[in-house]
N, C-alpha and C. Protein backbone atom coordinates (compact mmCIF):
# COMPACT_ATOMS: atom_id res chain seq x y z
N UNK A 1 19.58 -74.87 -102.70
CA UNK A 1 19.75 -73.76 -103.32
C UNK A 1 20.61 -74.68 -104.18
N UNK A 2 20.47 -74.57 -105.63
CA UNK A 2 21.12 -74.67 -106.55
C UNK A 2 22.48 -74.89 -106.57
N UNK A 3 23.39 -75.74 -106.57
CA UNK A 3 24.80 -75.48 -107.20
C UNK A 3 25.68 -74.51 -107.81
N UNK A 4 25.01 -74.29 -108.62
CA UNK A 4 25.25 -72.49 -109.58
C UNK A 4 24.64 -71.43 -108.69
N UNK A 5 23.62 -71.70 -107.84
CA UNK A 5 23.68 -70.20 -106.81
C UNK A 5 24.74 -70.55 -105.61
N UNK A 6 24.45 -71.93 -105.29
CA UNK A 6 25.65 -71.63 -104.19
C UNK A 6 27.39 -71.36 -104.15
N UNK A 7 27.71 -71.55 -105.87
CA UNK A 7 27.98 -71.37 -106.06
C UNK A 7 28.99 -69.78 -106.16
N UNK A 8 27.94 -69.32 -106.50
CA UNK A 8 27.86 -67.76 -106.93
C UNK A 8 27.25 -67.20 -105.83
N UNK A 9 26.77 -67.27 -104.92
CA UNK A 9 26.90 -66.66 -103.55
C UNK A 9 27.99 -66.52 -102.81
N UNK A 10 29.03 -67.99 -103.25
CA UNK A 10 30.37 -67.77 -101.98
C UNK A 10 31.61 -66.97 -102.87
N UNK A 11 30.77 -66.32 -104.09
CA UNK A 11 32.14 -65.66 -105.06
C UNK A 11 32.23 -64.24 -105.04
N UNK A 12 30.55 -63.76 -103.92
CA UNK A 12 30.36 -62.67 -103.61
C UNK A 12 31.23 -61.32 -102.42
N UNK A 13 32.20 -60.99 -103.07
CA UNK A 13 33.56 -60.18 -102.54
C UNK A 13 32.38 -59.67 -101.21
N UNK A 14 32.55 -60.32 -100.01
CA UNK A 14 32.27 -59.76 -98.63
C UNK A 14 32.31 -58.14 -98.29
N UNK A 15 32.82 -57.41 -99.02
CA UNK A 15 32.85 -55.86 -99.36
C UNK A 15 32.26 -54.69 -99.93
N UNK A 16 31.01 -56.18 -100.60
CA UNK A 16 30.23 -55.92 -101.57
C UNK A 16 28.91 -55.65 -100.63
N UNK A 17 29.18 -56.50 -99.29
CA UNK A 17 27.41 -56.50 -99.38
C UNK A 17 27.62 -55.03 -97.90
N UNK A 18 26.34 -54.60 -97.49
CA UNK A 18 25.51 -53.89 -96.64
C UNK A 18 26.13 -54.33 -95.35
N UNK A 19 26.04 -55.59 -95.25
CA UNK A 19 25.80 -56.12 -93.14
C UNK A 19 26.66 -57.27 -93.92
N UNK A 20 27.79 -57.18 -93.61
CA UNK A 20 29.30 -58.13 -94.64
C UNK A 20 28.72 -59.26 -93.48
N UNK A 21 28.64 -60.42 -94.74
CA UNK A 21 28.73 -61.71 -93.71
C UNK A 21 29.38 -62.98 -95.22
N UNK A 22 30.03 -63.58 -94.32
CA UNK A 22 29.86 -65.05 -95.88
C UNK A 22 29.11 -65.55 -95.69
N UNK A 23 28.82 -65.73 -96.65
CA UNK A 23 27.64 -67.21 -96.96
C UNK A 23 27.36 -68.51 -95.89
N UNK A 24 28.83 -68.83 -96.02
CA UNK A 24 29.43 -69.73 -94.31
C UNK A 24 28.59 -69.03 -92.78
N UNK A 25 28.43 -67.98 -92.69
CA UNK A 25 27.43 -67.92 -91.41
C UNK A 25 26.76 -67.67 -91.41
N UNK A 26 25.71 -68.27 -92.14
CA UNK A 26 24.57 -67.77 -92.22
C UNK A 26 23.87 -68.84 -92.86
N UNK A 27 24.64 -70.50 -93.70
CA UNK A 27 23.65 -71.48 -93.92
C UNK A 27 24.18 -72.50 -92.84
N UNK A 28 23.66 -73.77 -92.66
CA UNK A 28 24.19 -74.61 -91.89
C UNK A 28 24.37 -75.58 -92.94
N UNK A 29 22.85 -75.77 -94.06
CA UNK A 29 24.38 -76.70 -95.13
C UNK A 29 23.51 -75.44 -96.65
N UNK A 30 24.31 -75.79 -97.18
CA UNK A 30 24.51 -75.03 -98.42
C UNK A 30 23.80 -75.07 -99.20
N UNK A 31 22.95 -76.20 -98.94
CA UNK A 31 21.38 -76.08 -100.31
C UNK A 31 20.28 -75.97 -99.83
N UNK A 32 20.04 -75.41 -98.83
CA UNK A 32 19.02 -74.72 -97.25
C UNK A 32 19.24 -73.36 -97.68
N UNK A 33 18.53 -72.42 -97.58
CA UNK A 33 18.78 -70.63 -96.88
C UNK A 33 17.32 -71.12 -95.82
N UNK A 34 17.75 -70.72 -94.40
CA UNK A 34 16.59 -70.28 -93.81
C UNK A 34 17.00 -69.22 -93.21
N UNK A 35 15.51 -67.96 -93.44
CA UNK A 35 15.63 -66.94 -93.16
C UNK A 35 14.41 -66.91 -93.29
N UNK A 36 14.11 -65.08 -92.24
CA UNK A 36 12.69 -64.70 -91.73
C UNK A 36 12.86 -63.92 -92.73
N UNK A 37 11.23 -64.31 -93.72
CA UNK A 37 10.93 -63.37 -94.29
C UNK A 37 10.46 -61.97 -94.56
N UNK A 38 11.20 -61.39 -93.69
CA UNK A 38 10.52 -59.59 -93.56
C UNK A 38 11.74 -58.93 -93.65
N UNK A 39 11.71 -57.93 -95.12
CA UNK A 39 12.59 -57.25 -94.65
C UNK A 39 13.00 -56.39 -93.75
N UNK A 40 14.48 -56.10 -93.66
CA UNK A 40 15.08 -55.13 -92.71
C UNK A 40 14.88 -53.93 -93.17
N UNK A 41 14.44 -53.20 -94.04
CA UNK A 41 14.14 -51.80 -94.10
C UNK A 41 12.71 -51.44 -93.52
N UNK A 42 11.63 -52.19 -94.81
CA UNK A 42 10.03 -51.73 -94.95
C UNK A 42 9.55 -52.45 -94.23
N UNK A 43 9.99 -53.52 -94.00
CA UNK A 43 8.99 -54.82 -93.28
C UNK A 43 8.41 -55.58 -94.68
N UNK A 44 8.42 -55.54 -95.61
CA UNK A 44 8.05 -56.20 -97.09
C UNK A 44 8.37 -57.31 -97.23
N UNK A 45 8.09 -58.21 -97.87
CA UNK A 45 8.14 -59.70 -98.03
C UNK A 45 8.04 -60.02 -99.45
N UNK A 46 9.81 -60.66 -99.06
CA UNK A 46 10.28 -61.13 -100.10
C UNK A 46 9.45 -61.78 -101.16
N UNK A 47 10.22 -61.75 -102.46
CA UNK A 47 9.19 -62.26 -103.22
C UNK A 47 10.66 -63.12 -104.42
N UNK A 48 10.79 -64.74 -104.23
CA UNK A 48 11.58 -65.19 -104.66
C UNK A 48 11.50 -65.15 -106.69
N UNK A 49 12.54 -64.82 -107.00
CA UNK A 49 12.46 -64.27 -109.08
C UNK A 49 11.82 -63.51 -108.96
N UNK A 50 11.39 -63.03 -108.57
CA UNK A 50 10.50 -61.75 -109.50
C UNK A 50 10.81 -60.73 -109.90
N UNK A 51 12.92 -60.22 -110.04
CA UNK A 51 13.08 -59.54 -110.54
C UNK A 51 13.52 -60.09 -111.91
N UNK A 52 14.77 -59.89 -112.51
CA UNK A 52 15.24 -60.10 -113.54
C UNK A 52 16.22 -60.95 -113.60
N UNK A 53 17.07 -61.44 -112.25
CA UNK A 53 17.89 -62.49 -112.24
C UNK A 53 17.02 -64.01 -110.71
N UNK A 54 17.87 -64.68 -110.50
CA UNK A 54 17.22 -65.49 -109.79
C UNK A 54 17.11 -65.17 -108.21
N UNK A 55 18.04 -64.04 -108.08
CA UNK A 55 17.78 -63.15 -107.07
C UNK A 55 16.12 -62.95 -106.02
N UNK A 56 16.18 -62.78 -104.98
CA UNK A 56 15.15 -62.44 -105.04
C UNK A 56 14.72 -60.92 -104.30
N UNK A 57 13.65 -60.47 -104.45
CA UNK A 57 13.38 -58.99 -104.88
C UNK A 57 12.53 -58.40 -103.85
N UNK A 58 12.71 -57.30 -102.86
CA UNK A 58 11.65 -56.76 -102.23
C UNK A 58 10.99 -55.80 -102.40
N UNK A 59 9.57 -56.02 -102.67
CA UNK A 59 8.59 -54.62 -103.86
C UNK A 59 9.52 -53.60 -103.35
N UNK A 60 9.89 -53.06 -102.46
CA UNK A 60 9.61 -51.97 -101.30
C UNK A 60 11.61 -51.20 -102.20
N UNK A 61 12.43 -52.64 -102.58
CA UNK A 61 14.06 -52.34 -102.68
C UNK A 61 14.20 -52.78 -103.92
N UNK A 62 16.05 -52.95 -104.41
CA UNK A 62 16.15 -53.52 -104.71
C UNK A 62 16.16 -55.73 -104.94
N UNK A 63 16.97 -55.93 -106.04
CA UNK A 63 16.95 -57.59 -105.49
C UNK A 63 18.39 -57.31 -104.26
N UNK A 64 18.38 -58.97 -103.37
CA UNK A 64 19.63 -59.04 -102.45
C UNK A 64 19.86 -60.09 -102.99
N UNK A 65 21.47 -60.50 -102.24
CA UNK A 65 21.06 -61.96 -102.81
C UNK A 65 20.20 -63.03 -102.44
N UNK A 66 21.05 -64.23 -103.07
CA UNK A 66 19.93 -65.93 -103.29
C UNK A 66 20.59 -65.67 -101.12
N UNK A 67 21.61 -65.09 -101.25
CA UNK A 67 21.66 -65.92 -99.36
C UNK A 67 21.36 -64.90 -98.75
N UNK A 68 20.33 -63.91 -99.15
CA UNK A 68 19.77 -62.92 -98.62
C UNK A 68 20.45 -62.20 -98.06
N UNK A 69 21.68 -61.63 -98.38
CA UNK A 69 22.01 -60.58 -98.05
C UNK A 69 22.27 -59.48 -98.57
N UNK A 70 22.30 -58.33 -97.61
CA UNK A 70 21.68 -56.64 -98.24
C UNK A 70 22.73 -56.35 -99.54
N UNK A 71 22.46 -56.32 -100.63
CA UNK A 71 24.14 -55.72 -101.80
C UNK A 71 23.51 -54.44 -102.44
N UNK A 72 22.31 -54.07 -102.36
CA UNK A 72 21.65 -53.07 -102.75
C UNK A 72 20.57 -53.09 -102.41
N UNK A 73 19.84 -51.27 -102.71
CA UNK A 73 18.78 -50.92 -102.18
C UNK A 73 19.36 -50.62 -100.84
N UNK A 74 17.77 -49.77 -100.23
CA UNK A 74 17.95 -49.09 -98.77
C UNK A 74 17.85 -50.58 -97.79
N UNK A 75 18.05 -51.51 -98.22
CA UNK A 75 17.55 -52.34 -96.57
C UNK A 75 19.27 -52.53 -96.07
N UNK A 76 19.07 -52.12 -94.88
CA UNK A 76 19.97 -52.33 -93.53
C UNK A 76 21.62 -52.75 -93.22
N UNK A 77 20.14 -54.28 -93.15
CA UNK A 77 20.96 -55.51 -92.86
C UNK A 77 20.02 -56.19 -93.85
N UNK A 78 20.88 -58.25 -93.36
CA UNK A 78 20.36 -59.35 -93.90
C UNK A 78 19.04 -59.70 -93.24
N UNK A 79 18.64 -60.62 -93.82
CA UNK A 79 17.65 -60.86 -94.05
C UNK A 79 17.59 -62.14 -92.52
N UNK A 80 17.20 -61.57 -90.86
CA UNK A 80 17.40 -62.25 -89.97
C UNK A 80 17.71 -64.33 -90.17
N UNK A 81 18.63 -64.60 -89.76
CA UNK A 81 18.67 -66.38 -89.91
C UNK A 81 17.87 -66.43 -88.93
N UNK A 82 17.14 -67.22 -88.66
CA UNK A 82 16.33 -67.72 -86.87
C UNK A 82 17.39 -68.93 -87.09
N UNK A 83 17.00 -69.09 -85.35
CA UNK A 83 17.48 -70.41 -84.48
C UNK A 83 17.32 -71.72 -85.24
N UNK A 84 17.16 -72.45 -86.04
CA UNK A 84 17.08 -73.48 -86.37
C UNK A 84 18.48 -74.86 -85.75
N UNK A 85 17.85 -75.74 -86.34
CA UNK A 85 19.05 -76.95 -87.16
C UNK A 85 18.36 -78.30 -87.32
N UNK A 86 18.52 -79.10 -87.94
CA UNK A 86 18.70 -79.93 -88.81
C UNK A 86 18.52 -81.32 -88.29
N UNK A 87 17.14 -82.12 -87.97
CA UNK A 87 17.31 -83.54 -87.15
C UNK A 87 17.77 -84.34 -88.30
N UNK A 88 18.11 -85.89 -87.61
CA UNK A 88 17.37 -86.50 -88.40
C UNK A 88 17.03 -86.56 -89.49
N UNK A 89 16.97 -87.49 -90.60
CA UNK A 89 16.15 -87.22 -91.81
C UNK A 89 16.15 -86.30 -92.55
N UNK A 90 17.24 -85.65 -92.11
CA UNK A 90 16.47 -84.07 -92.93
C UNK A 90 15.88 -83.17 -92.75
N UNK A 91 14.90 -83.58 -91.26
CA UNK A 91 13.81 -82.04 -91.04
C UNK A 91 14.26 -81.06 -90.25
N UNK A 92 14.14 -80.34 -90.69
CA UNK A 92 14.24 -78.57 -90.46
C UNK A 92 13.38 -77.98 -88.90
N UNK A 93 14.19 -77.88 -87.82
CA UNK A 93 13.23 -77.89 -87.31
C UNK A 93 13.87 -77.04 -86.88
N UNK A 94 13.09 -74.97 -86.58
CA UNK A 94 12.89 -73.64 -86.80
C UNK A 94 12.11 -73.37 -85.24
């Protein structure tokens, strides 16, 4: 994510989210967002930058935030963060 996207997500009040989690709880490196791309509502696949903002749009719902926390629409939970880590050389292991 860009520095602007990271700052925008950090500014979101957690109480506005349906499944409250700070951005820091969902990412290991702020530049990288690692989530399973299946909506928690109907199982749709999120489409990045498909809406009126830089948020991700899920076809059956409203936009969700860049850290994939459910803020609007019917999705009850945030997109799942899989077990992962970054190893030497910046390689992501999921």
